[in-house]
């Protein structure tokens, strides 16, 4: 039998939509929820019957959440404003790649 455990993390991040035609062009923030799932077969549990201790999940996700929480995520084409913010804030922003959708 396969068992699954889940831990939910919450963090806040600002962004803007590059070249958007309305107010979403302006910086604004959202609260995001990250769900981390672990699964294992019932014969792979630890001595206490757990898939994984939640403190281990915390340690793995902490390095990402510390960078994302209260930070800014920008489109990879939004480099001009990104460089200004990085210089002023002295922290690394996150740029994401937009994959174009095609109609089928």
Protein backbone atom coordinates (compact mmCIF):
# COMPACT_ATOMS: atom_id res chain seq x y z
CA UNK A 1 0.00 0.00 0.00
CA UNK A 2 1.29 3.52 -0.81
CA UNK A 3 0.93 6.20 1.84
CA UNK A 4 1.02 9.97 1.25
CA UNK A 5 1.62 12.86 3.62
CA UNK A 6 1.34 16.53 2.77
CA UNK A 7 2.59 19.70 4.37
CA UNK A 8 1.37 23.13 3.26
CA UNK A 9 3.57 26.22 3.39
CA UNK A 10 2.35 29.78 2.89
CA UNK A 11 4.42 32.69 1.63
CA UNK A 12 3.89 36.14 0.14
CA UNK A 13 5.46 37.40 -3.07
CA UNK A 14 5.04 40.43 -5.29
CA UNK A 15 5.03 40.46 -9.07
CA UNK A 16 3.71 42.31 -12.05
CA UNK A 17 2.56 41.14 -15.46
CA UNK A 18 5.00 42.37 -18.06
CA UNK A 19 3.38 44.46 -20.82
CA UNK A 20 -0.10 43.87 -19.40
CA UNK A 21 -2.76 46.26 -20.71
CA UNK A 22 -4.35 47.08 -17.35
CA UNK A 23 -3.54 47.47 -13.67
CA UNK A 24 -1.75 44.11 -13.41
CA UNK A 25 1.21 45.89 -15.04
CA UNK A 26 1.75 47.48 -11.60
CA UNK A 27 3.47 45.65 -8.79
CA UNK A 28 1.11 43.78 -6.52
CA UNK A 29 1.34 40.82 -4.20
CA UNK A 30 -0.29 37.49 -3.56
CA UNK A 31 -0.23 34.88 -0.86
CA UNK A 32 0.93 31.57 -2.30
CA UNK A 33 0.46 28.08 -0.93
CA UNK A 34 3.09 25.44 -1.59
CA UNK A 35 2.00 21.86 -1.02
CA UNK A 36 4.78 19.35 -0.49
CA UNK A 37 3.78 15.70 -0.87
CA UNK A 38 5.82 12.70 0.23
CA UNK A 39 4.81 9.16 -0.49
CA UNK A 40 6.16 5.79 0.39
CA UNK A 41 5.15 2.19 0.49
CA UNK A 42 4.01 1.03 3.91
CA UNK A 43 7.11 -1.16 4.23
CA UNK A 44 9.36 1.93 3.91
CA UNK A 45 8.16 3.85 6.95
CA UNK A 46 10.49 4.88 9.76
CA UNK A 47 10.48 3.29 13.21
CA UNK A 48 7.60 5.55 14.31
CA UNK A 49 5.47 4.65 11.27
CA UNK A 50 6.08 7.94 9.43
CA UNK A 51 6.95 8.57 5.82
CA UNK A 52 9.08 11.52 6.88
CA UNK A 53 9.24 13.79 9.89
CA UNK A 54 7.76 17.21 9.15
CA UNK A 55 10.94 18.85 10.47
CA UNK A 56 12.83 17.19 7.59
CA UNK A 57 10.32 18.61 5.09
CA UNK A 58 10.76 22.02 6.75
CA UNK A 59 14.53 21.83 6.36
CA UNK A 60 14.31 20.91 2.67
CA UNK A 61 11.80 23.63 1.76
CA UNK A 62 13.29 26.33 4.01
CA UNK A 63 16.07 27.21 1.57
CA UNK A 64 13.47 28.01 -1.11
CA UNK A 65 10.90 29.71 1.07
CA UNK A 66 13.48 32.01 2.63
CA UNK A 67 14.32 33.27 -0.86
CA UNK A 68 10.73 33.51 -2.14
CA UNK A 69 8.90 34.91 0.89
CA UNK A 70 8.46 38.70 0.66
CA UNK A 71 10.43 38.85 -2.57
CA UNK A 72 9.60 39.77 -6.16
CA UNK A 73 9.10 37.48 -9.14
CA UNK A 74 9.36 38.99 -12.63
CA UNK A 75 9.01 37.87 -16.21
CA UNK A 76 12.41 37.10 -17.75
CA UNK A 77 11.82 39.99 -20.20
CA UNK A 78 11.32 42.47 -17.36
CA UNK A 79 15.08 42.91 -16.87
CA UNK A 80 15.26 46.71 -16.80
CA UNK A 81 13.11 47.11 -13.69
CA UNK A 82 14.58 43.91 -12.27
CA UNK A 83 18.13 45.25 -12.38
CA UNK A 84 17.04 48.49 -10.70
CA UNK A 85 15.28 46.62 -7.91
CA UNK A 86 18.17 44.21 -7.36
CA UNK A 87 20.59 47.14 -7.11
CA UNK A 88 18.42 49.06 -4.63
CA UNK A 89 17.24 46.12 -2.55
CA UNK A 90 20.51 44.19 -2.71
CA UNK A 91 18.71 40.91 -3.05
CA UNK A 92 18.26 38.44 -5.88
CA UNK A 93 14.92 38.52 -7.66
CA UNK A 94 13.31 35.58 -9.36
CA UNK A 95 12.66 35.68 -13.07
CA UNK A 96 10.31 33.22 -14.64
CA UNK A 97 10.14 31.97 -18.19
CA UNK A 98 6.81 32.36 -19.92
CA UNK A 99 5.92 29.41 -22.07
CA UNK A 100 3.65 30.43 -24.88
CA UNK A 101 0.41 28.55 -25.18
CA UNK A 102 -0.66 27.31 -28.58
CA UNK A 103 -4.23 26.75 -29.65
CA UNK A 104 -4.85 23.21 -30.76
